[in-house]
Amino acid sequence: MDFTSLETWGYLAIAFFSFGGSLFIVAAAGVFSYMGKMDLTTALAVAAVSNFLGDMFLFYMGKYQKKSIQPYFAKHKRKIALATVLMRKYGVLAIFIQKFIYGVKTLVPISMALAKYDFKKFGFYNVFASIVFVLVIGLSAFYSSEAIIRVFAYIKINPWIAPLILFSVVGTVWFAMENMTKKKKK
């Protein structure tokens, strides 16, 4: 096995970051597959399995290790409340929706566990949610790879654009999460 190749480290990176729910690594897998650097089916399968395991781990922690994770979420009570509302409002769909929302994707499995949602039922729906998530992101990136590659080539020529895009995305996500988790004035 060649430990210097993108294929070897790429699949390991996909497994590691997909465990945490990263949609960017799944998109990168799609682009690298388009470029012939990885196998699309293998990359998406690794991402789906790892994403499934990551959410199952979070659900397990919320269900059976409440005391050990509480200190990490003490500052995020409103976000947990938002995730709980999302879960109660959309039910099973929340398992699918949360995969695509940064800032909430970690909290929904924990909220569902804290709300005493059935472990087997969560696992069953999580299998399909992980597959849908990976296919939507991975195949979208694969089929729009030419445009993505052109954007990165343009950013390489104009490097000042990268921090601007990064701060815009981070700022938008932060602003949206702040507004969604603030108390409404009556």
Protein backbone atom coordinates (compact mmCIF):
# COMPACT_ATOMS: atom_id res chain seq x y z
CA MET A 1 0.00 0.00 0.00
CA ASP A 2 1.36 3.40 -0.98
CA PHE A 3 1.09 5.78 1.98
CA THR A 4 2.04 8.86 -0.03
CA SER A 5 -0.87 8.89 -2.43
CA LEU A 6 -3.96 11.08 -2.40
CA GLU A 7 -6.07 7.96 -2.70
CA THR A 8 -4.79 6.50 0.57
CA TRP A 9 -4.84 9.68 2.64
CA GLY A 10 -7.88 10.99 0.78
CA TYR A 11 -10.08 8.08 1.80
CA LEU A 12 -8.82 8.34 5.39
CA ALA A 13 -9.57 12.10 5.36
CA ILE A 14 -13.05 11.39 4.00
CA ALA A 15 -13.67 8.87 6.79
CA PHE A 16 -12.35 11.19 9.50
CA PHE A 17 -14.13 14.38 8.43
CA SER A 18 -17.36 12.64 7.39
CA PHE A 19 -17.55 11.22 10.91
CA GLY A 20 -17.86 14.86 12.01
CA GLY A 21 -20.44 15.59 9.30
CA SER A 22 -18.31 17.73 6.97
CA LEU A 23 -20.07 18.41 3.71
CA PHE A 24 -16.93 20.06 2.33
CA ILE A 25 -14.96 16.81 2.40
CA VAL A 26 -17.81 15.01 0.62
CA ALA A 27 -17.84 17.76 -2.03
CA ALA A 28 -14.04 17.50 -2.32
CA ALA A 29 -14.39 13.74 -2.82
CA GLY A 30 -16.78 14.43 -5.70
CA VAL A 31 -14.34 16.85 -7.33
CA PHE A 32 -11.31 14.58 -6.83
CA SER A 33 -13.31 11.70 -8.30
CA TYR A 34 -14.14 13.83 -11.33
CA MET A 35 -10.41 14.57 -11.72
CA GLY A 36 -9.65 10.83 -11.65
CA LYS A 37 -7.79 10.98 -8.33
CA MET A 38 -10.32 8.85 -6.43
CA ASP A 39 -13.04 6.33 -7.15
CA LEU A 40 -16.44 8.02 -6.78
CA THR A 41 -18.29 4.96 -5.51
CA THR A 42 -15.63 4.12 -2.91
CA ALA A 43 -15.31 7.73 -1.75
CA LEU A 44 -19.07 8.17 -1.33
CA ALA A 45 -19.44 4.78 0.38
CA VAL A 46 -16.68 5.67 2.87
CA ALA A 47 -18.33 9.05 3.49
CA ALA A 48 -21.80 7.55 4.01
CA VAL A 49 -20.62 4.87 6.44
CA SER A 50 -18.49 7.33 8.40
CA ASN A 51 -21.28 9.94 8.50
CA PHE A 52 -23.71 7.30 9.77
CA LEU A 53 -21.27 6.21 12.48
CA GLY A 54 -20.65 9.82 13.54
CA ASP A 55 -24.33 10.52 14.14
CA MET A 56 -24.79 7.19 15.89
CA PHE A 57 -21.89 8.11 18.18
CA LEU A 58 -23.50 11.48 18.98
CA PHE A 59 -26.86 9.79 19.64
CA TYR A 60 -25.15 7.26 21.92
CA MET A 61 -23.38 10.02 23.83
CA GLY A 62 -26.65 11.92 24.30
CA LYS A 63 -28.53 8.82 25.40
CA TYR A 64 -26.02 7.07 27.65
CA GLN A 65 -23.31 9.63 28.51
CA LYS A 66 -25.38 12.75 29.33
CA LYS A 67 -23.29 13.83 32.29
CA SER A 68 -19.99 13.60 30.44
CA ILE A 69 -21.17 15.75 27.50
CA GLN A 70 -23.17 18.37 29.42
CA PRO A 71 -20.16 20.68 30.09
CA TYR A 72 -19.48 20.92 26.35
CA PHE A 73 -23.00 22.08 25.57
CA ALA A 74 -23.58 24.43 28.52
CA LYS A 75 -23.12 27.50 26.30
CA HIS A 76 -25.32 26.11 23.53
CA LYS A 77 -28.63 25.69 25.35
CA ARG A 78 -30.53 27.78 22.79
CA LYS A 79 -29.07 25.83 19.89
CA ILE A 80 -30.04 22.57 21.59
CA ALA A 81 -33.52 24.02 22.08
CA LEU A 82 -33.61 24.91 18.36
CA ALA A 83 -32.53 21.38 17.47
CA THR A 84 -35.24 19.99 19.75
CA VAL A 85 -37.86 22.22 18.11
CA LEU A 86 -36.63 21.09 14.69
CA MET A 87 -36.93 17.48 15.80
CA ARG A 88 -40.41 17.91 17.25
CA LYS A 89 -41.68 19.95 14.31
CA TYR A 90 -40.32 17.74 11.54
CA GLY A 91 -39.96 14.37 13.27
CA VAL A 92 -38.10 11.86 11.12
CA LEU A 93 -37.37 14.55 8.51
CA ALA A 94 -35.20 16.31 11.12
CA ILE A 95 -32.73 13.44 10.80
CA PHE A 96 -32.45 14.23 7.08
CA ILE A 97 -32.58 18.03 7.38
CA GLN A 98 -29.93 18.30 10.10
CA LYS A 99 -27.30 16.76 7.86
CA PHE A 100 -27.32 19.89 5.70
CA ILE A 101 -27.36 22.57 8.44
CA TYR A 102 -24.05 23.57 10.01
CA GLY A 103 -24.28 24.42 13.67
CA VAL A 104 -27.26 22.12 14.15
CA LYS A 105 -26.02 18.85 12.67
CA THR A 106 -24.17 17.92 15.85
CA LEU A 107 -26.99 18.89 18.15
CA VAL A 108 -29.98 17.12 16.55
CA PRO A 109 -28.77 13.56 17.28
CA ILE A 110 -27.97 14.59 20.86
CA SER A 111 -31.34 16.35 21.24
CA MET A 112 -33.16 13.32 19.88
CA ALA A 113 -31.33 11.10 22.35
CA LEU A 114 -32.13 13.45 25.23
CA ALA A 115 -35.80 13.43 24.13
CA LYS A 116 -35.72 9.63 24.53
CA TYR A 117 -36.06 8.90 20.81
CA ASP A 118 -35.67 5.18 20.09
CA PHE A 119 -32.05 4.22 19.31
CA LYS A 120 -32.97 1.59 16.68
CA LYS A 121 -35.43 3.90 14.98
CA PHE A 122 -32.82 6.67 14.83
CA GLY A 123 -30.28 4.22 13.41
CA PHE A 124 -32.73 3.01 10.76
CA TYR A 125 -33.52 6.52 9.50
CA ASN A 126 -29.93 7.65 9.90
CA VAL A 127 -28.78 5.03 7.37
CA PHE A 128 -30.98 6.58 4.69
CA ALA A 129 -30.25 10.16 5.78
CA SER A 130 -26.49 9.52 5.53
CA ILE A 131 -26.86 8.01 2.06
CA VAL A 132 -29.07 10.88 0.84
CA PHE A 133 -26.69 13.49 2.31
CA VAL A 134 -23.60 11.97 0.73
CA LEU A 135 -25.27 11.39 -2.65
CA VAL A 136 -26.69 14.93 -2.85
CA ILE A 137 -23.43 16.65 -1.89
CA GLY A 138 -21.01 14.24 -3.57
CA LEU A 139 -22.86 13.92 -6.87
CA SER A 140 -23.61 17.66 -7.00
CA ALA A 141 -19.91 18.38 -6.64
CA PHE A 142 -18.99 15.65 -9.13
CA TYR A 143 -21.32 16.99 -11.82
CA SER A 144 -20.39 20.63 -11.23
CA SER A 145 -16.66 19.95 -10.91
CA GLU A 146 -15.68 21.96 -13.98
CA ALA A 147 -17.25 25.10 -12.51
CA ILE A 148 -15.72 24.41 -9.08
CA ILE A 149 -12.26 23.92 -10.62
CA ARG A 150 -12.62 27.20 -12.54
CA VAL A 151 -13.58 29.04 -9.34
CA PHE A 152 -10.53 27.66 -7.52
CA ALA A 153 -8.30 28.59 -10.47
CA TYR A 154 -9.67 32.14 -10.31
CA ILE A 155 -9.08 32.27 -6.55
CA LYS A 156 -5.52 31.07 -7.11
CA ILE A 157 -4.95 34.06 -9.39
CA ASN A 158 -6.78 36.43 -6.99
CA PRO A 159 -5.98 35.08 -3.49
CA TRP A 160 -7.63 38.01 -1.71
CA ILE A 161 -11.03 36.54 -2.65
CA ALA A 162 -10.60 33.41 -0.49
CA PRO A 163 -10.69 35.17 2.91
CA LEU A 164 -13.56 37.34 1.70
CA ILE A 165 -15.61 34.26 0.79
CA LEU A 166 -14.62 32.49 4.01
CA PHE A 167 -15.59 35.40 6.25
CA SER A 168 -18.83 35.89 4.33
CA VAL A 169 -19.85 32.26 4.75
CA VAL A 170 -18.82 32.11 8.42
CA GLY A 171 -20.50 35.47 9.10
CA THR A 172 -23.73 34.41 7.41
CA VAL A 173 -23.87 31.11 9.32
CA TRP A 174 -23.07 32.88 12.62
CA PHE A 175 -25.67 35.60 11.97
CA ALA A 176 -28.33 33.05 11.05
CA MET A 177 -27.63 30.91 14.11
CA GLU A 178 -27.67 33.96 16.39
CA ASN A 179 -31.03 35.10 15.02
CA MET A 180 -32.58 31.63 15.18
CA THR A 181 -31.51 31.07 18.78
CA LYS A 182 -32.39 34.48 20.25
CA LYS A 183 -35.43 34.94 22.42
CA LYS A 184 -38.30 36.54 20.55
CA LYS A 185 -39.58 39.76 22.12
CA LYS A 186 -43.29 39.79 22.74
